Amino acid sequence: MLTSLINDYLKLLFIMTPFFVLSSFITMTGEMTHEEKKRTAFKVTIAVMVSCFFMFFFGKYIFELFGITLDAFRIGAGSILFLSAVSLINGTRSMHTANLNNDIAVVPLAIPITVGPGVIGVLMVMGAETRSLLQLTGFSIALVGAATTVGLILRSSSMIQQFISPQSMAVVQKITGLFVSAIAAQIIFTGIKGFLF
């Protein structure tokens, strides 16, 4: 149970690409006060949790509605996640601009920057798998933990900015991309295995 919880937590945290989210957050909140940044980080955390739980618990019904098999979606979601990983490594993932007079917490910071197509695809795949009540509880804890970690990183953005140079942030973003690509490859291979065997 503990091992599964930790694995789910790390997987979710990596696919949420917290350091890319942090770089986007720093860029978009440059004109905000410290208190405004903290409020925005809290709103992002709540929005990420709500959207992730929705996709996890209701994704399987979407499967049924459109007649999509789990293995087909694994391959599709893995491919999208892999493309996101390549963009992270290349440093070309699109930055969404926003008017700072508007609330940027939900759109674009929570969706689609944090909860993008890759995260949605992975959550729908994981939600469609049969799980016991204990496994669901463990996954829910892992999901809350991953979203909270992203929120805490954003909340600490002012402090982090003082210690991490833009070059260091770029290096961390590329390393995150490598881990995300490995997760994507595993999802694709599982989907192909399901089709073949």
C-alpha atoms as a PDB file:
ATOM      1  CA  MET A   1       0.000   0.000   0.000  1.00  0.00           C
ATOM      2  CA  LEU A   2       2.714   2.495   1.013  1.00  0.00           C
ATOM      3  CA  THR A   3       4.872   1.623  -2.007  1.00  0.00           C
ATOM      4  CA  SER A   4       1.893   2.012  -4.357  1.00  0.00           C
ATOM      5  CA  LEU A   5       0.993   5.349  -2.749  1.00  0.00           C
ATOM      6  CA  ILE A   6       4.553   6.660  -3.155  1.00  0.00           C
ATOM      7  CA  ASN A   7       4.723   5.431  -6.765  1.00  0.00           C
ATOM      8  CA  ASP A   8       1.388   7.103  -7.617  1.00  0.00           C
ATOM      9  CA  TYR A   9       2.492  10.312  -5.882  1.00  0.00           C
ATOM     10  CA  LEU A  10       5.795  10.499  -7.789  1.00  0.00           C
ATOM     11  CA  LYS A  11       4.166   9.620 -11.109  1.00  0.00           C
ATOM     12  CA  LEU A  12       1.494  12.302 -10.681  1.00  0.00           C
ATOM     13  CA  LEU A  13       4.014  14.876  -9.521  1.00  0.00           C
ATOM     14  CA  PHE A  14       6.284  14.312 -12.523  1.00  0.00           C
ATOM     15  CA  ILE A  15       3.493  14.450 -15.104  1.00  0.00           C
ATOM     16  CA  MET A  16       2.259  17.723 -13.577  1.00  0.00           C
ATOM     17  CA  THR A  17       5.723  19.137 -14.455  1.00  0.00           C
ATOM     18  CA  PRO A  18       5.987  21.352 -11.330  1.00  0.00           C
ATOM     19  CA  PHE A  19       9.115  23.194 -12.467  1.00  0.00           C
ATOM     20  CA  PHE A  20       7.563  24.150 -15.793  1.00  0.00           C
ATOM     21  CA  VAL A  21       4.479  25.284 -13.853  1.00  0.00           C
ATOM     22  CA  LEU A  22       6.762  27.271 -11.524  1.00  0.00           C
ATOM     23  CA  SER A  23       8.502  29.020 -14.416  1.00  0.00           C
ATOM     24  CA  SER A  24       5.088  29.873 -15.924  1.00  0.00           C
ATOM     25  CA  PHE A  25       3.828  31.085 -12.529  1.00  0.00           C
ATOM     26  CA  ILE A  26       6.871  33.329 -12.008  1.00  0.00           C
ATOM     27  CA  THR A  27       6.426  34.819 -15.474  1.00  0.00           C
ATOM     28  CA  MET A  28       2.688  35.469 -15.092  1.00  0.00           C
ATOM     29  CA  THR A  29       2.731  36.814 -11.526  1.00  0.00           C
ATOM     30  CA  GLY A  30       5.712  39.126 -11.859  1.00  0.00           C
ATOM     31  CA  GLU A  31       3.536  42.211 -11.205  1.00  0.00           C
ATOM     32  CA  MET A  32       1.681  40.708  -8.232  1.00  0.00           C
ATOM     33  CA  THR A  33       2.359  41.335  -4.558  1.00  0.00           C
ATOM     34  CA  HIS A  34       3.533  38.513  -2.284  1.00  0.00           C
ATOM     35  CA  GLU A  35       0.010  38.098  -0.851  1.00  0.00           C
ATOM     36  CA  GLU A  36      -1.566  37.982  -4.315  1.00  0.00           C
ATOM     37  CA  LYS A  37       0.930  35.307  -5.348  1.00  0.00           C
ATOM     38  CA  LYS A  38       0.017  33.207  -2.291  1.00  0.00           C
ATOM     39  CA  ARG A  39      -3.717  33.513  -3.034  1.00  0.00           C
ATOM     40  CA  THR A  40      -3.138  32.581  -6.670  1.00  0.00           C
ATOM     41  CA  ALA A  41      -1.045  29.540  -5.659  1.00  0.00           C
ATOM     42  CA  PHE A  42      -3.865  28.377  -3.340  1.00  0.00           C
ATOM     43  CA  LYS A  43      -6.467  28.752  -6.114  1.00  0.00           C
ATOM     44  CA  VAL A  44      -4.249  26.812  -8.532  1.00  0.00           C
ATOM     45  CA  THR A  45      -3.934  23.971  -5.987  1.00  0.00           C
ATOM     46  CA  ILE A  46      -7.711  23.695  -5.495  1.00  0.00           C
ATOM     47  CA  ALA A  47      -8.411  23.898  -9.243  1.00  0.00           C
ATOM     48  CA  VAL A  48      -5.829  21.164  -9.955  1.00  0.00           C
ATOM     49  CA  MET A  49      -7.344  18.867  -7.308  1.00  0.00           C
ATOM     50  CA  VAL A  50     -10.922  19.355  -8.547  1.00  0.00           C
ATOM     51  CA  SER A  51     -10.081  18.836 -12.222  1.00  0.00           C
ATOM     52  CA  CYS A  52      -7.870  15.789 -11.513  1.00  0.00           C
ATOM     53  CA  PHE A  53     -10.476  14.084  -9.322  1.00  0.00           C
ATOM     54  CA  PHE A  54     -13.153  14.730 -11.941  1.00  0.00           C
ATOM     55  CA  MET A  55     -11.092  13.122 -14.706  1.00  0.00           C
ATOM     56  CA  PHE A  56     -10.035  10.218 -12.483  1.00  0.00           C
ATOM     57  CA  PHE A  57     -13.506   9.278 -11.239  1.00  0.00           C
ATOM     58  CA  PHE A  58     -15.579  10.073 -14.341  1.00  0.00           C
ATOM     59  CA  GLY A  59     -13.073   9.224 -17.080  1.00  0.00           C
ATOM     60  CA  LYS A  60     -14.300   5.619 -17.368  1.00  0.00           C
ATOM     61  CA  TYR A  61     -17.845   6.826 -18.074  1.00  0.00           C
ATOM     62  CA  ILE A  62     -16.463   8.978 -20.878  1.00  0.00           C
ATOM     63  CA  PHE A  63     -14.789   5.809 -22.204  1.00  0.00           C
ATOM     64  CA  GLU A  64     -18.112   4.000 -22.235  1.00  0.00           C
ATOM     65  CA  LEU A  65     -19.930   6.927 -23.828  1.00  0.00           C
ATOM     66  CA  PHE A  66     -17.550   7.074 -26.802  1.00  0.00           C
ATOM     67  CA  GLY A  67     -16.731   3.340 -26.978  1.00  0.00           C
ATOM     68  CA  ILE A  68     -13.013   3.831 -26.361  1.00  0.00           C
ATOM     69  CA  THR A  69     -10.977   0.856 -25.144  1.00  0.00           C
ATOM     70  CA  LEU A  70      -8.556   1.317 -22.257  1.00  0.00           C
ATOM     71  CA  ASP A  71      -5.578   0.112 -24.301  1.00  0.00           C
ATOM     72  CA  ALA A  72      -6.353   2.515 -27.167  1.00  0.00           C
ATOM     73  CA  PHE A  73      -6.520   5.401 -24.745  1.00  0.00           C
ATOM     74  CA  ARG A  74      -3.285   4.281 -23.066  1.00  0.00           C
ATOM     75  CA  ILE A  75      -1.500   4.540 -26.412  1.00  0.00           C
ATOM     76  CA  GLY A  76      -3.097   7.910 -27.226  1.00  0.00           C
ATOM     77  CA  ALA A  77      -2.482   9.424 -23.784  1.00  0.00           C
ATOM     78  CA  GLY A  78       1.066   8.084 -23.696  1.00  0.00           C
ATOM     79  CA  SER A  79       1.781   9.614 -27.098  1.00  0.00           C
ATOM     80  CA  ILE A  80       0.479  13.025 -26.010  1.00  0.00           C
ATOM     81  CA  LEU A  81       2.452  12.813 -22.763  1.00  0.00           C
ATOM     82  CA  PHE A  82       5.572  11.866 -24.728  1.00  0.00           C
ATOM     83  CA  LEU A  83       5.165  14.897 -27.008  1.00  0.00           C
ATOM     84  CA  SER A  84       4.800  17.102 -23.908  1.00  0.00           C
ATOM     85  CA  ALA A  85       8.009  15.566 -22.542  1.00  0.00           C
ATOM     86  CA  VAL A  86       9.875  16.284 -25.795  1.00  0.00           C
ATOM     87  CA  SER A  87       8.652  19.892 -25.653  1.00  0.00           C
ATOM     88  CA  LEU A  88       9.904  20.175 -22.072  1.00  0.00           C
ATOM     89  CA  ILE A  89      13.323  18.827 -23.041  1.00  0.00           C
ATOM     90  CA  ASN A  90      13.529  21.151 -26.054  1.00  0.00           C
ATOM     91  CA  GLY A  91      12.259  24.071 -23.976  1.00  0.00           C
ATOM     92  CA  THR A  92       9.514  24.819 -26.499  1.00  0.00           C
ATOM     93  CA  ARG A  93       6.396  24.036 -24.483  1.00  0.00           C
ATOM     94  CA  SER A  94       4.037  26.910 -25.193  1.00  0.00           C
ATOM     95  CA  MET A  95       3.708  29.635 -22.589  1.00  0.00           C
ATOM     96  CA  HIS A  96       0.175  30.927 -22.232  1.00  0.00           C
ATOM     97  CA  THR A  97       0.046  34.680 -21.794  1.00  0.00           C
ATOM     98  CA  ALA A  98      -2.577  36.257 -19.595  1.00  0.00           C
ATOM     99  CA  ASN A  99      -3.853  39.667 -18.623  1.00  0.00           C
ATOM    100  CA  LEU A 100      -2.844  40.137 -15.000  1.00  0.00           C
ATOM    101  CA  ASN A 101      -6.092  42.019 -14.362  1.00  0.00           C
ATOM    102  CA  ASN A 102      -7.896  38.680 -14.829  1.00  0.00           C
ATOM    103  CA  ASP A 103      -7.780  35.664 -12.530  1.00  0.00           C
ATOM    104  CA  ILE A 104      -5.125  33.408 -14.032  1.00  0.00           C
ATOM    105  CA  ALA A 105      -5.278  30.689 -11.358  1.00  0.00           C
ATOM    106  CA  VAL A 106      -7.758  28.346 -13.077  1.00  0.00           C
ATOM    107  CA  VAL A 107      -6.993  29.251 -16.704  1.00  0.00           C
ATOM    108  CA  PRO A 108      -4.235  29.013 -17.766  1.00  0.00           C
ATOM    109  CA  LEU A 109      -2.186  28.046 -14.665  1.00  0.00           C
ATOM    110  CA  ALA A 110      -4.293  25.083 -13.473  1.00  0.00           C
ATOM    111  CA  ILE A 111      -5.678  24.150 -16.894  1.00  0.00           C
ATOM    112  CA  PRO A 112      -3.915  23.602 -19.277  1.00  0.00           C
ATOM    113  CA  ILE A 113      -0.456  24.402 -17.872  1.00  0.00           C
ATOM    114  CA  THR A 114      -0.599  22.055 -14.842  1.00  0.00           C
ATOM    115  CA  VAL A 115      -3.418  19.730 -15.905  1.00  0.00           C
ATOM    116  CA  GLY A 116      -2.715  19.444 -19.600  1.00  0.00           C
ATOM    117  CA  PRO A 117      -3.685  16.739 -22.112  1.00  0.00           C
ATOM    118  CA  GLY A 118      -0.995  14.396 -20.804  1.00  0.00           C
ATOM    119  CA  VAL A 119      -2.188  14.597 -17.193  1.00  0.00           C
ATOM    120  CA  ILE A 120      -5.834  14.228 -18.247  1.00  0.00           C
ATOM    121  CA  GLY A 121      -4.988  11.191 -20.363  1.00  0.00           C
ATOM    122  CA  VAL A 122      -3.035   9.492 -17.572  1.00  0.00           C
ATOM    123  CA  LEU A 123      -5.815  10.156 -15.040  1.00  0.00           C
ATOM    124  CA  MET A 124      -8.462   8.733 -17.356  1.00  0.00           C
ATOM    125  CA  VAL A 125      -6.371   5.619 -17.942  1.00  0.00           C
ATOM    126  CA  MET A 126      -5.698   5.139 -14.223  1.00  0.00           C
ATOM    127  CA  GLY A 127      -9.335   5.825 -13.344  1.00  0.00           C
ATOM    128  CA  ALA A 128     -10.562   3.200 -15.797  1.00  0.00           C
ATOM    129  CA  GLU A 129      -8.487   0.477 -14.138  1.00  0.00           C
ATOM    130  CA  THR A 130     -10.201  -1.705 -11.543  1.00  0.00           C
ATOM    131  CA  ARG A 131      -9.118  -0.697  -8.041  1.00  0.00           C
ATOM    132  CA  SER A 132     -10.117  -1.755  -4.549  1.00  0.00           C
ATOM    133  CA  LEU A 133     -11.379   0.782  -2.003  1.00  0.00           C
ATOM    134  CA  LEU A 134      -7.959   0.727  -0.325  1.00  0.00           C
ATOM    135  CA  GLN A 135      -6.225   1.420  -3.647  1.00  0.00           C
ATOM    136  CA  LEU A 136      -8.653   4.261  -4.420  1.00  0.00           C
ATOM    137  CA  THR A 137      -7.964   5.785  -1.016  1.00  0.00           C
ATOM    138  CA  GLY A 138      -4.219   5.499  -1.571  1.00  0.00           C
ATOM    139  CA  PHE A 139      -4.463   7.058  -5.027  1.00  0.00           C
ATOM    140  CA  SER A 140      -6.632   9.903  -3.700  1.00  0.00           C
ATOM    141  CA  ILE A 141      -4.038  10.641  -1.009  1.00  0.00           C
ATOM    142  CA  ALA A 142      -1.283  10.573  -3.651  1.00  0.00           C
ATOM    143  CA  LEU A 143      -3.264  12.948  -5.884  1.00  0.00           C
ATOM    144  CA  VAL A 144      -3.917  15.412  -3.059  1.00  0.00           C
ATOM    145  CA  GLY A 145      -0.242  15.173  -2.097  1.00  0.00           C
ATOM    146  CA  ALA A 146       0.984  15.861  -5.639  1.00  0.00           C
ATOM    147  CA  ALA A 147      -1.377  18.829  -6.111  1.00  0.00           C
ATOM    148  CA  THR A 148      -0.418  20.203  -2.679  1.00  0.00           C
ATOM    149  CA  THR A 149       3.287  19.866  -3.515  1.00  0.00           C
ATOM    150  CA  VAL A 150       2.779  21.854  -6.716  1.00  0.00           C
ATOM    151  CA  GLY A 151       0.864  24.475  -4.702  1.00  0.00           C
ATOM    152  CA  LEU A 152       3.640  24.728  -2.096  1.00  0.00           C
ATOM    153  CA  ILE A 153       6.260  25.130  -4.817  1.00  0.00           C
ATOM    154  CA  LEU A 154       4.214  27.965  -6.343  1.00  0.00           C
ATOM    155  CA  ARG A 155       3.656  29.539  -2.927  1.00  0.00           C
ATOM    156  CA  SER A 156       7.433  29.568  -2.423  1.00  0.00           C
ATOM    157  CA  SER A 157       8.098  31.113  -5.845  1.00  0.00           C
ATOM    158  CA  SER A 158       9.439  34.411  -4.480  1.00  0.00           C
ATOM    159  CA  MET A 159      11.961  32.607  -2.280  1.00  0.00           C
ATOM    160  CA  ILE A 160      12.902  30.079  -4.963  1.00  0.00           C
ATOM    161  CA  GLN A 161      13.563  32.894  -7.445  1.00  0.00           C
ATOM    162  CA  GLN A 162      16.320  34.209  -5.189  1.00  0.00           C
ATOM    163  CA  PHE A 163      18.217  30.906  -5.204  1.00  0.00           C
ATOM    164  CA  ILE A 164      17.624  29.405  -8.642  1.00  0.00           C
ATOM    165  CA  SER A 165      18.909  31.060 -11.784  1.00  0.00           C
ATOM    166  CA  PRO A 166      16.938  30.859 -15.048  1.00  0.00           C
ATOM    167  CA  GLN A 167      19.636  28.503 -16.386  1.00  0.00           C
ATOM    168  CA  SER A 168      19.193  26.131 -13.415  1.00  0.00           C
ATOM    169  CA  MET A 169      15.424  26.192 -13.889  1.00  0.00           C
ATOM    170  CA  ALA A 170      15.910  25.228 -17.537  1.00  0.00           C
ATOM    171  CA  VAL A 171      18.113  22.265 -16.525  1.00  0.00           C
ATOM    172  CA  VAL A 172      15.526  21.029 -14.005  1.00  0.00           C
ATOM    173  CA  GLN A 173      12.812  21.375 -16.655  1.00  0.00           C
ATOM    174  CA  LYS A 174      14.799  19.153 -19.047  1.00  0.00           C
ATOM    175  CA  ILE A 175      15.391  16.500 -16.360  1.00  0.00           C
ATOM    176  CA  THR A 176      11.663  16.531 -15.603  1.00  0.00           C
ATOM    177  CA  GLY A 177      11.031  16.023 -19.320  1.00  0.00           C
ATOM    178  CA  LEU A 178      13.225  12.900 -19.315  1.00  0.00           C
ATOM    179  CA  PHE A 179      11.270  11.357 -16.433  1.00  0.00           C
ATOM    180  CA  VAL A 180       7.949  12.259 -18.063  1.00  0.00           C
ATOM    181  CA  SER A 181       9.069  10.620 -21.324  1.00  0.00           C
ATOM    182  CA  ALA A 182       9.868   7.401 -19.431  1.00  0.00           C
ATOM    183  CA  ILE A 183       6.393   7.393 -17.864  1.00  0.00           C
ATOM    184  CA  ALA A 184       4.860   8.003 -21.308  1.00  0.00           C
ATOM    185  CA  ALA A 185       6.829   5.130 -22.839  1.00  0.00           C
ATOM    186  CA  GLN A 186       5.635   2.760 -20.110  1.00  0.00           C
ATOM    187  CA  ILE A 187       1.997   3.751 -20.708  1.00  0.00           C
ATOM    188  CA  ILE A 188       2.365   3.198 -24.476  1.00  0.00           C
ATOM    189  CA  PHE A 189       4.056  -0.189 -24.017  1.00  0.00           C
ATOM    190  CA  THR A 190       1.305  -1.307 -21.621  1.00  0.00           C
ATOM    191  CA  GLY A 191      -1.330  -0.327 -24.198  1.00  0.00           C
ATOM    192  CA  ILE A 192       0.441  -2.178 -27.018  1.00  0.00           C
ATOM    193  CA  LYS A 193       0.853  -5.252 -24.808  1.00  0.00           C
ATOM    194  CA  GLY A 194      -2.877  -5.154 -24.059  1.00  0.00           C
ATOM    195  CA  PHE A 195      -3.700  -5.106 -27.791  1.00  0.00           C
ATOM    196  CA  LEU A 196      -1.315  -7.920 -28.683  1.00  0.00           C
ATOM    197  CA  PHE A 197      -1.880 -10.320 -25.788  1.00  0.00           C
END
